[in-house]
């Protein structure tokens, strides 16, 4: 039975992600950040920031890729990057 004014639809194709092997390793939310500027070894400026939203995070995937998300208007800004793990060090390889 259809209700007047209702819309019914179905779709047969699969909309699931094709790369199901990619999983999130970690998603880190930023709670504080300090930017420090040096010139020729001399401290020029220190700017702490503690005001963040849930759109401010970095996310690492198990395939060596990641996303840096930053609060922006009208929507969050996303930067994709690649990384590798060398021993106990995580190194960003490109943006």
PDB file of N, CA and C in Angstrom:
ATOM      1  N   UNK A   1       0.836  -1.172   0.000  1.00  0.00           N
ATOM      2  CA  UNK A   1       0.000   0.000   0.000  1.00  0.00           C
ATOM      3  C   UNK A   1       0.886   1.241   0.000  1.00  0.00           C
ATOM      4  N   UNK A   2       0.575   2.174  -0.875  1.00  0.00           N
ATOM      5  CA  UNK A   2       1.317   3.433  -0.925  1.00  0.00           C
ATOM      6  C   UNK A   2       0.512   4.529  -0.249  1.00  0.00           C
ATOM      7  N   UNK A   3       1.223   5.352   0.500  1.00  0.00           N
ATOM      8  CA  UNK A   3       0.601   6.486   1.166  1.00  0.00           C
ATOM      9  C   UNK A   3       0.727   7.682   0.233  1.00  0.00           C
ATOM     10  N   UNK A   4      -0.377   8.418  -0.025  1.00  0.00           N
ATOM     11  CA  UNK A   4      -0.300   9.592  -0.903  1.00  0.00           C
ATOM     12  C   UNK A   4       0.796  10.563  -0.430  1.00  0.00           C
ATOM     13  N   UNK A   5       1.583  11.053  -1.377  1.00  0.00           N
ATOM     14  CA  UNK A   5       2.641  12.001  -1.068  1.00  0.00           C
ATOM     15  C   UNK A   5       3.946  11.329  -0.674  1.00  0.00           C
ATOM     16  N   UNK A   6       3.992   9.999  -0.638  1.00  0.00           N
ATOM     17  CA  UNK A   6       5.220   9.302  -0.280  1.00  0.00           C
ATOM     18  C   UNK A   6       6.026   8.983  -1.513  1.00  0.00           C
ATOM     19  N   UNK A   7       7.318   8.808  -1.346  1.00  0.00           N
ATOM     20  CA  UNK A   7       8.216   8.481  -2.448  1.00  0.00           C
ATOM     21  C   UNK A   7       8.886   7.157  -2.135  1.00  0.00           C
ATOM     22  N   UNK A   8       8.826   6.235  -3.083  1.00  0.00           N
ATOM     23  CA  UNK A   8       9.442   4.931  -2.900  1.00  0.00           C
ATOM     24  C   UNK A   8      10.499   4.735  -3.971  1.00  0.00           C
ATOM     25  N   UNK A   9      11.610   4.115  -3.601  1.00  0.00           N
ATOM     26  CA  UNK A   9      12.696   3.929  -4.533  1.00  0.00           C
ATOM     27  C   UNK A   9      13.515   2.720  -4.129  1.00  0.00           C
ATOM     28  N   UNK A  10      14.172   2.105  -5.110  1.00  0.00           N
ATOM     29  CA  UNK A  10      15.140   1.058  -4.816  1.00  0.00           C
ATOM     30  C   UNK A  10      16.269   1.165  -5.824  1.00  0.00           C
ATOM     31  N   UNK A  11      17.401   0.624  -5.468  1.00  0.00           N
ATOM     32  CA  UNK A  11      18.570   0.706  -6.323  1.00  0.00           C
ATOM     33  C   UNK A  11      19.298  -0.625  -6.254  1.00  0.00           C
ATOM     34  N   UNK A  12      19.688  -1.167  -7.400  1.00  0.00           N
ATOM     35  CA  UNK A  12      20.296  -2.487  -7.431  1.00  0.00           C
ATOM     36  C   UNK A  12      21.816  -2.466  -7.355  1.00  0.00           C
ATOM     37  N   UNK A  13      22.471  -1.400  -7.821  1.00  0.00           N
ATOM     38  CA  UNK A  13      23.931  -1.427  -7.828  1.00  0.00           C
ATOM     39  C   UNK A  13      24.502  -1.230  -6.426  1.00  0.00           C
ATOM     40  N   UNK A  14      25.674  -1.783  -6.221  1.00  0.00           N
ATOM     41  CA  UNK A  14      26.338  -1.760  -4.929  1.00  0.00           C
ATOM     42  C   UNK A  14      27.041  -0.416  -4.733  1.00  0.00           C
ATOM     43  N   UNK A  15      26.685   0.300  -3.679  1.00  0.00           N
ATOM     44  CA  UNK A  15      27.324   1.591  -3.403  1.00  0.00           C
ATOM     45  C   UNK A  15      28.367   1.476  -2.289  1.00  0.00           C
ATOM     46  N   UNK A  16      28.683   0.261  -1.864  1.00  0.00           N
ATOM     47  CA  UNK A  16      29.694   0.070  -0.822  1.00  0.00           C
ATOM     48  C   UNK A  16      31.069   0.429  -1.371  1.00  0.00           C
ATOM     49  N   UNK A  17      31.972   0.901  -0.527  1.00  0.00           N
ATOM     50  CA  UNK A  17      33.327   1.208  -0.988  1.00  0.00           C
ATOM     51  C   UNK A  17      33.973  -0.007  -1.637  1.00  0.00           C
ATOM     52  N   UNK A  18      34.702   0.216  -2.723  1.00  0.00           N
ATOM     53  CA  UNK A  18      35.339  -0.872  -3.448  1.00  0.00           C
ATOM     54  C   UNK A  18      36.554  -1.417  -2.723  1.00  0.00           C
ATOM     55  N   UNK A  19      37.289  -0.569  -2.008  1.00  0.00           N
ATOM     56  CA  UNK A  19      38.491  -1.000  -1.313  1.00  0.00           C
ATOM     57  C   UNK A  19      38.146  -1.296   0.145  1.00  0.00           C
ATOM     58  N   UNK A  20      37.624  -2.477   0.399  1.00  0.00           N
ATOM     59  CA  UNK A  20      37.224  -2.819   1.757  1.00  0.00           C
ATOM     60  C   UNK A  20      38.412  -3.209   2.624  1.00  0.00           C
ATOM     61  N   UNK A  21      39.610  -3.321   2.040  1.00  0.00           N
ATOM     62  CA  UNK A  21      40.804  -3.677   2.810  1.00  0.00           C
ATOM     63  C   UNK A  21      41.372  -2.477   3.564  1.00  0.00           C
ATOM     64  N   UNK A  22      40.976  -1.255   3.207  1.00  0.00           N
ATOM     65  CA  UNK A  22      41.477  -0.065   3.882  1.00  0.00           C
ATOM     66  C   UNK A  22      40.697   0.147   5.170  1.00  0.00           C
ATOM     67  N   UNK A  23      41.401   0.207   6.244  1.00  0.00           N
ATOM     68  CA  UNK A  23      40.780   0.414   7.547  1.00  0.00           C
ATOM     69  C   UNK A  23      41.441   1.596   8.244  1.00  0.00           C
ATOM     70  N   UNK A  24      40.713   2.195   9.160  1.00  0.00           N
ATOM     71  CA  UNK A  24      41.254   3.303   9.936  1.00  0.00           C
ATOM     72  C   UNK A  24      42.158   2.720  11.019  1.00  0.00           C
ATOM     73  N   UNK A  25      43.412   3.159  11.040  1.00  0.00           N
ATOM     74  CA  UNK A  25      44.318   2.754  12.110  1.00  0.00           C
ATOM     75  C   UNK A  25      44.082   3.587  13.357  1.00  0.00           C
ATOM     76  N   UNK A  26      43.999   4.902  13.167  1.00  0.00           N
ATOM     77  CA  UNK A  26      43.801   5.803  14.308  1.00  0.00           C
ATOM     78  C   UNK A  26      43.221   7.127  13.813  1.00  0.00           C
ATOM     79  N   UNK A  27      42.394   7.735  14.637  1.00  0.00           N
ATOM     80  CA  UNK A  27      41.848   9.066  14.368  1.00  0.00           C
ATOM     81  C   UNK A  27      42.120   9.892  15.613  1.00  0.00           C
ATOM     82  N   UNK A  28      42.957  10.916  15.471  1.00  0.00           N
ATOM     83  CA  UNK A  28      43.384  11.735  16.597  1.00  0.00           C
ATOM     84  C   UNK A  28      42.737  13.116  16.526  1.00  0.00           C
ATOM     85  N   UNK A  29      42.023  13.496  17.571  1.00  0.00           N
ATOM     86  CA  UNK A  29      41.414  14.821  17.640  1.00  0.00           C
ATOM     87  C   UNK A  29      42.389  15.783  18.301  1.00  0.00           C
ATOM     88  N   UNK A  30      42.482  16.982  17.751  1.00  0.00           N
ATOM     89  CA  UNK A  30      43.382  18.010  18.280  1.00  0.00           C
ATOM     90  C   UNK A  30      42.700  18.693  19.462  1.00  0.00           C
ATOM     91  N   UNK A  31      43.407  18.791  20.585  1.00  0.00           N
ATOM     92  CA  UNK A  31      42.852  19.508  21.737  1.00  0.00           C
ATOM     93  C   UNK A  31      43.697  20.733  22.097  1.00  0.00           C
ATOM     94  N   UNK A  32      44.977  20.704  21.715  1.00  0.00           N
ATOM     95  CA  UNK A  32      45.816  21.889  21.888  1.00  0.00           C
ATOM     96  C   UNK A  32      46.964  21.816  20.887  1.00  0.00           C
ATOM     97  N   UNK A  33      47.462  22.981  20.519  1.00  0.00           N
ATOM     98  CA  UNK A  33      48.535  23.061  19.530  1.00  0.00           C
ATOM     99  C   UNK A  33      49.318  24.339  19.781  1.00  0.00           C
ATOM    100  N   UNK A  34      50.628  24.247  19.715  1.00  0.00           N
ATOM    101  CA  UNK A  34      51.468  25.434  19.847  1.00  0.00           C
ATOM    102  C   UNK A  34      52.354  25.541  18.618  1.00  0.00           C
ATOM    103  N   UNK A  35      52.264  26.673  17.946  1.00  0.00           N
ATOM    104  CA  UNK A  35      53.096  26.957  16.785  1.00  0.00           C
ATOM    105  C   UNK A  35      54.260  27.831  17.250  1.00  0.00           C
ATOM    106  N   UNK A  36      55.477  27.393  16.958  1.00  0.00           N
ATOM    107  CA  UNK A  36      56.672  28.129  17.374  1.00  0.00           C
ATOM    108  C   UNK A  36      57.482  28.501  16.139  1.00  0.00           C
ATOM    109  N   UNK A  37      57.851  29.769  16.032  1.00  0.00           N
ATOM    110  CA  UNK A  37      58.606  30.264  14.886  1.00  0.00           C
ATOM    111  C   UNK A  37      60.022  30.647  15.319  1.00  0.00           C
ATOM    112  N   UNK A  38      61.009  30.097  14.587  1.00  0.00           N
ATOM    113  CA  UNK A  38      62.415  30.399  14.834  1.00  0.00           C
ATOM    114  C   UNK A  38      63.030  30.998  13.576  1.00  0.00           C
ATOM    115  N   UNK A  39      64.030  31.844  13.751  1.00  0.00           N
ATOM    116  CA  UNK A  39      64.826  32.354  12.653  1.00  0.00           C
ATOM    117  C   UNK A  39      66.273  32.331  13.092  1.00  0.00           C
ATOM    118  N   UNK A  40      67.098  31.585  12.348  1.00  0.00           N
ATOM    119  CA  UNK A  40      68.518  31.438  12.661  1.00  0.00           C
ATOM    120  C   UNK A  40      68.730  31.007  14.113  1.00  0.00           C
ATOM    121  N   UNK A  41      67.878  30.084  14.573  1.00  0.00           N
ATOM    122  CA  UNK A  41      68.008  29.553  15.917  1.00  0.00           C
ATOM    123  C   UNK A  41      67.439  30.423  17.019  1.00  0.00           C
ATOM    124  N   UNK A  42      66.921  31.597  16.674  1.00  0.00           N
ATOM    125  CA  UNK A  42      66.374  32.502  17.678  1.00  0.00           C
ATOM    126  C   UNK A  42      64.848  32.433  17.663  1.00  0.00           C
ATOM    127  N   UNK A  43      64.256  32.276  18.849  1.00  0.00           N
ATOM    128  CA  UNK A  43      62.804  32.214  18.981  1.00  0.00           C
ATOM    129  C   UNK A  43      62.185  33.561  18.629  1.00  0.00           C
ATOM    130  N   UNK A  44      61.274  33.553  17.644  1.00  0.00           N
ATOM    131  CA  UNK A  44      60.598  34.787  17.242  1.00  0.00           C
ATOM    132  C   UNK A  44      59.200  34.891  17.826  1.00  0.00           C
ATOM    133  N   UNK A  45      58.477  33.761  17.871  1.00  0.00           N
ATOM    134  CA  UNK A  45      57.079  33.825  18.288  1.00  0.00           C
ATOM    135  C   UNK A  45      56.604  32.446  18.731  1.00  0.00           C
ATOM    136  N   UNK A  46      55.692  32.433  19.701  1.00  0.00           N
ATOM    137  CA  UNK A  46      55.012  31.220  20.130  1.00  0.00           C
ATOM    138  C   UNK A  46      53.526  31.542  20.189  1.00  0.00           C
ATOM    139  N   UNK A  47      52.727  30.730  19.508  1.00  0.00           N
ATOM    140  CA  UNK A  47      51.285  30.984  19.450  1.00  0.00           C
ATOM    141  C   UNK A  47      50.518  29.722  19.843  1.00  0.00           C
ATOM    142  N   UNK A  48      50.068  29.633  21.111  1.00  0.00           N
ATOM    143  CA  UNK A  48      49.278  28.477  21.519  1.00  0.00           C
ATOM    144  C   UNK A  48      47.832  28.597  21.036  1.00  0.00           C
ATOM    145  N   UNK A  49      47.227  27.472  20.760  1.00  0.00           N
ATOM    146  CA  UNK A  49      45.819  27.441  20.359  1.00  0.00           C
ATOM    147  C   UNK A  49      45.152  26.281  21.081  1.00  0.00           C
ATOM    148  N   UNK A  50      43.999  26.535  21.697  1.00  0.00           N
ATOM    149  CA  UNK A  50      43.275  25.495  22.415  1.00  0.00           C
ATOM    150  C   UNK A  50      41.808  25.414  22.021  1.00  0.00           C
ATOM    151  N   UNK A  51      41.381  26.209  21.042  1.00  0.00           N
ATOM    152  CA  UNK A  51      39.993  26.207  20.604  1.00  0.00           C
ATOM    153  C   UNK A  51      39.861  25.376  19.327  1.00  0.00           C
ATOM    154  N   UNK A  52      39.318  24.170  19.458  1.00  0.00           N
ATOM    155  CA  UNK A  52      39.160  23.257  18.330  1.00  0.00           C
ATOM    156  C   UNK A  52      37.754  22.674  18.312  1.00  0.00           C
ATOM    157  N   UNK A  53      37.359  22.112  17.168  1.00  0.00           N
ATOM    158  CA  UNK A  53      36.058  21.457  17.033  1.00  0.00           C
ATOM    159  C   UNK A  53      36.282  19.989  16.676  1.00  0.00           C
ATOM    160  N   UNK A  54      35.203  19.244  16.534  1.00  0.00           N
ATOM    161  CA  UNK A  54      35.316  17.839  16.133  1.00  0.00           C
ATOM    162  C   UNK A  54      35.725  17.701  14.670  1.00  0.00           C
ATOM    163  N   UNK A  55      35.803  18.819  13.934  1.00  0.00           N
ATOM    164  CA  UNK A  55      36.297  18.792  12.548  1.00  0.00           C
ATOM    165  C   UNK A  55      37.815  18.939  12.478  1.00  0.00           C
ATOM    166  N   UNK A  56      38.468  19.116  13.613  1.00  0.00           N
ATOM    167  CA  UNK A  56      39.929  19.245  13.672  1.00  0.00           C
ATOM    168  C   UNK A  56      40.527  17.905  14.108  1.00  0.00           C
ATOM    169  N   UNK A  57      41.006  17.142  13.121  1.00  0.00           N
ATOM    170  CA  UNK A  57      41.587  15.833  13.444  1.00  0.00           C
ATOM    171  C   UNK A  57      42.526  15.381  12.345  1.00  0.00           C
ATOM    172  N   UNK A  58      43.298  14.351  12.652  1.00  0.00           N
ATOM    173  CA  UNK A  58      44.148  13.688  11.668  1.00  0.00           C
ATOM    174  C   UNK A  58      43.799  12.204  11.734  1.00  0.00           C
ATOM    175  N   UNK A  59      43.673  11.606  10.564  1.00  0.00           N
ATOM    176  CA  UNK A  59      43.239  10.210  10.480  1.00  0.00           C
ATOM    177  C   UNK A  59      44.221   9.428   9.620  1.00  0.00           C
ATOM    178  N   UNK A  60      44.697   8.292  10.139  1.00  0.00           N
ATOM    179  CA  UNK A  60      45.639   7.431   9.429  1.00  0.00           C
ATOM    180  C   UNK A  60      44.942   6.145   9.020  1.00  0.00           C
ATOM    181  N   UNK A  61      45.148   5.727   7.761  1.00  0.00           N
ATOM    182  CA  UNK A  61      44.595   4.477   7.254  1.00  0.00           C
ATOM    183  C   UNK A  61      45.712   3.450   7.115  1.00  0.00           C
ATOM    184  N   UNK A  62      45.347   2.165   7.099  1.00  0.00           N
ATOM    185  CA  UNK A  62      46.360   1.116   7.053  1.00  0.00           C
ATOM    186  C   UNK A  62      47.039   0.968   5.698  1.00  0.00           C
ATOM    187  N   UNK A  63      46.596   1.704   4.684  1.00  0.00           N
ATOM    188  CA  UNK A  63      47.225   1.616   3.364  1.00  0.00           C
ATOM    189  C   UNK A  63      48.313   2.674   3.154  1.00  0.00           C
ATOM    190  N   UNK A  64      48.690   3.406   4.229  1.00  0.00           N
ATOM    191  CA  UNK A  64      49.727   4.424   4.115  1.00  0.00           C
ATOM    192  C   UNK A  64      49.206   5.793   3.710  1.00  0.00           C
ATOM    193  N   UNK A  65      47.895   5.978   3.732  1.00  0.00           N
ATOM    194  CA  UNK A  65      47.324   7.290   3.410  1.00  0.00           C
ATOM    195  C   UNK A  65      46.691   7.881   4.661  1.00  0.00           C
ATOM    196  N   UNK A  66      46.408   9.178   4.604  1.00  0.00           N
ATOM    197  CA  UNK A  66      45.783   9.840   5.730  1.00  0.00           C
ATOM    198  C   UNK A  66      45.055  11.094   5.309  1.00  0.00           C
ATOM    199  N   UNK A  67      44.301  11.650   6.251  1.00  0.00           N
ATOM    200  CA  UNK A  67      43.544  12.878   6.025  1.00  0.00           C
ATOM    201  C   UNK A  67      43.780  13.812   7.200  1.00  0.00           C
ATOM    202  N   UNK A  68      44.060  15.077   6.897  1.00  0.00           N
ATOM    203  CA  UNK A  68      44.119  16.128   7.901  1.00  0.00           C
ATOM    204  C   UNK A  68      42.866  16.968   7.706  1.00  0.00           C
ATOM    205  N   UNK A  69      42.022  17.040   8.717  1.00  0.00           N
ATOM    206  CA  UNK A  69      40.781  17.804   8.650  1.00  0.00           C
ATOM    207  C   UNK A  69      40.899  19.032   9.538  1.00  0.00           C
ATOM    208  N   UNK A  70      40.465  20.189   9.016  1.00  0.00           N
ATOM    209  CA  UNK A  70      40.504  21.444   9.777  1.00  0.00           C
ATOM    210  C   UNK A  70      39.165  22.150   9.648  1.00  0.00           C
ATOM    211  N   UNK A  71      38.716  22.748  10.741  1.00  0.00           N
ATOM    212  CA  UNK A  71      37.478  23.516  10.739  1.00  0.00           C
ATOM    213  C   UNK A  71      37.618  24.680   9.761  1.00  0.00           C
ATOM    214  N   UNK A  72      36.618  24.866   8.914  1.00  0.00           N
ATOM    215  CA  UNK A  72      36.601  25.968   7.945  1.00  0.00           C
ATOM    216  C   UNK A  72      35.148  26.295   7.617  1.00  0.00           C
ATOM    217  N   UNK A  73      34.926  27.441   7.030  1.00  0.00           N
ATOM    218  CA  UNK A  73      33.584  27.854   6.635  1.00  0.00           C
ATOM    219  C   UNK A  73      33.497  27.844   5.120  1.00  0.00           C
ATOM    220  N   UNK A  74      32.514  27.247   4.508  1.00  0.00           N
ATOM    221  CA  UNK A  74      31.284  26.718   5.105  1.00  0.00           C
ATOM    222  C   UNK A  74      31.377  25.250   5.519  1.00  0.00           C
ATOM    223  N   UNK A  75      32.476  24.574   5.207  1.00  0.00           N
ATOM    224  CA  UNK A  75      32.615  23.160   5.579  1.00  0.00           C
ATOM    225  C   UNK A  75      34.076  22.868   5.885  1.00  0.00           C
ATOM    226  N   UNK A  76      34.355  21.724   6.542  1.00  0.00           N
ATOM    227  CA  UNK A  76      35.742  21.405   6.893  1.00  0.00           C
ATOM    228  C   UNK A  76      36.666  21.331   5.680  1.00  0.00           C
ATOM    229  N   UNK A  77      37.929  21.635   5.899  1.00  0.00           N
ATOM    230  CA  UNK A  77      38.959  21.553   4.869  1.00  0.00           C
ATOM    231  C   UNK A  77      39.705  20.237   5.054  1.00  0.00           C
ATOM    232  N   UNK A  78      39.886  19.473   3.973  1.00  0.00           N
ATOM    233  CA  UNK A  78      40.572  18.183   4.041  1.00  0.00           C
ATOM    234  C   UNK A  78      41.838  18.205   3.196  1.00  0.00           C
ATOM    235  N   UNK A  79      42.928  17.702   3.757  1.00  0.00           N
ATOM    236  CA  UNK A  79      44.183  17.547   3.037  1.00  0.00           C
ATOM    237  C   UNK A  79      44.578  16.089   3.109  1.00  0.00           C
ATOM    238  N   UNK A  80      44.761  15.462   1.947  1.00  0.00           N
ATOM    239  CA  UNK A  80      45.189  14.071   1.908  1.00  0.00           C
ATOM    240  C   UNK A  80      46.711  14.010   1.910  1.00  0.00           C
ATOM    241  N   UNK A  81      47.264  12.958   2.507  1.00  0.00           N
ATOM    242  CA  UNK A  81      48.704  12.788   2.526  1.00  0.00           C
ATOM    243  C   UNK A  81      49.039  11.300   2.553  1.00  0.00           C
ATOM    244  N   UNK A  82      50.294  11.004   2.331  1.00  0.00           N
ATOM    245  CA  UNK A  82      50.831   9.639   2.420  1.00  0.00           C
ATOM    246  C   UNK A  82      51.837   9.608   3.560  1.00  0.00           C
ATOM    247  N   UNK A  83      51.992   8.436   4.165  1.00  0.00           N
ATOM    248  CA  UNK A  83      52.966   8.296   5.234  1.00  0.00           C
ATOM    249  C   UNK A  83      53.577   6.898   5.187  1.00  0.00           C
ATOM    250  N   UNK A  84      54.684   6.752   5.905  1.00  0.00           N
ATOM    251  CA  UNK A  84      55.294   5.435   6.088  1.00  0.00           C
ATOM    252  C   UNK A  84      55.778   5.344   7.521  1.00  0.00           C
ATOM    253  N   UNK A  85      55.915   4.127   7.995  1.00  0.00           N
ATOM    254  CA  UNK A  85      56.409   3.908   9.348  1.00  0.00           C
ATOM    255  C   UNK A  85      57.810   3.329   9.242  1.00  0.00           C
ATOM    256  N   UNK A  86      58.759   4.015   9.865  1.00  0.00           N
ATOM    257  CA  UNK A  86      60.160   3.602   9.871  1.00  0.00           C
ATOM    258  C   UNK A  86      60.542   3.330  11.322  1.00  0.00           C
ATOM    259  N   UNK A  87      60.500   2.063  11.730  1.00  0.00           N
ATOM    260  CA  UNK A  87      60.748   1.724  13.125  1.00  0.00           C
ATOM    261  C   UNK A  87      59.620   2.239  13.983  1.00  0.00           C
ATOM    262  N   UNK A  88      59.940   3.151  14.908  1.00  0.00           N
ATOM    263  CA  UNK A  88      58.920   3.755  15.765  1.00  0.00           C
ATOM    264  C   UNK A  88      58.571   5.180  15.321  1.00  0.00           C
ATOM    265  N   UNK A  89      59.002   5.546  14.124  1.00  0.00           N
ATOM    266  CA  UNK A  89      58.778   6.892  13.622  1.00  0.00           C
ATOM    267  C   UNK A  89      57.811   6.877  12.446  1.00  0.00           C
ATOM    268  N   UNK A  90      56.796   7.740  12.510  1.00  0.00           N
ATOM    269  CA  UNK A  90      55.855   7.912  11.415  1.00  0.00           C
ATOM    270  C   UNK A  90      56.319   9.116  10.606  1.00  0.00           C
ATOM    271  N   UNK A  91      56.532   8.932   9.284  1.00  0.00           N
ATOM    272  CA  UNK A  91      57.068   9.982   8.433  1.00  0.00           C
ATOM    273  C   UNK A  91      56.072  10.289   7.324  1.00  0.00           C
ATOM    274  N   UNK A  92      55.690  11.569   7.210  1.00  0.00           N
ATOM    275  CA  UNK A  92      54.830  11.972   6.094  1.00  0.00           C
ATOM    276  C   UNK A  92      55.672  12.030   4.846  1.00  0.00           C
ATOM    277  N   UNK A  93      55.189  11.383   3.757  1.00  0.00           N
ATOM    278  CA  UNK A  93      56.001  11.311   2.544  1.00  0.00           C
ATOM    279  C   UNK A  93      55.583  12.300   1.470  1.00  0.00           C
ATOM    280  N   UNK A  94      54.327  12.754   1.459  1.00  0.00           N
ATOM    281  CA  UNK A  94      53.882  13.803   0.531  1.00  0.00           C
ATOM    282  C   UNK A  94      52.493  14.289   0.911  1.00  0.00           C
ATOM    283  N   UNK A  95      52.067  15.409   0.274  1.00  0.00           N
ATOM    284  CA  UNK A  95      50.716  15.928   0.475  1.00  0.00           C
ATOM    285  C   UNK A  95      50.014  16.025  -0.838  1.00  0.00           C
TER     286      UNK A  95
END
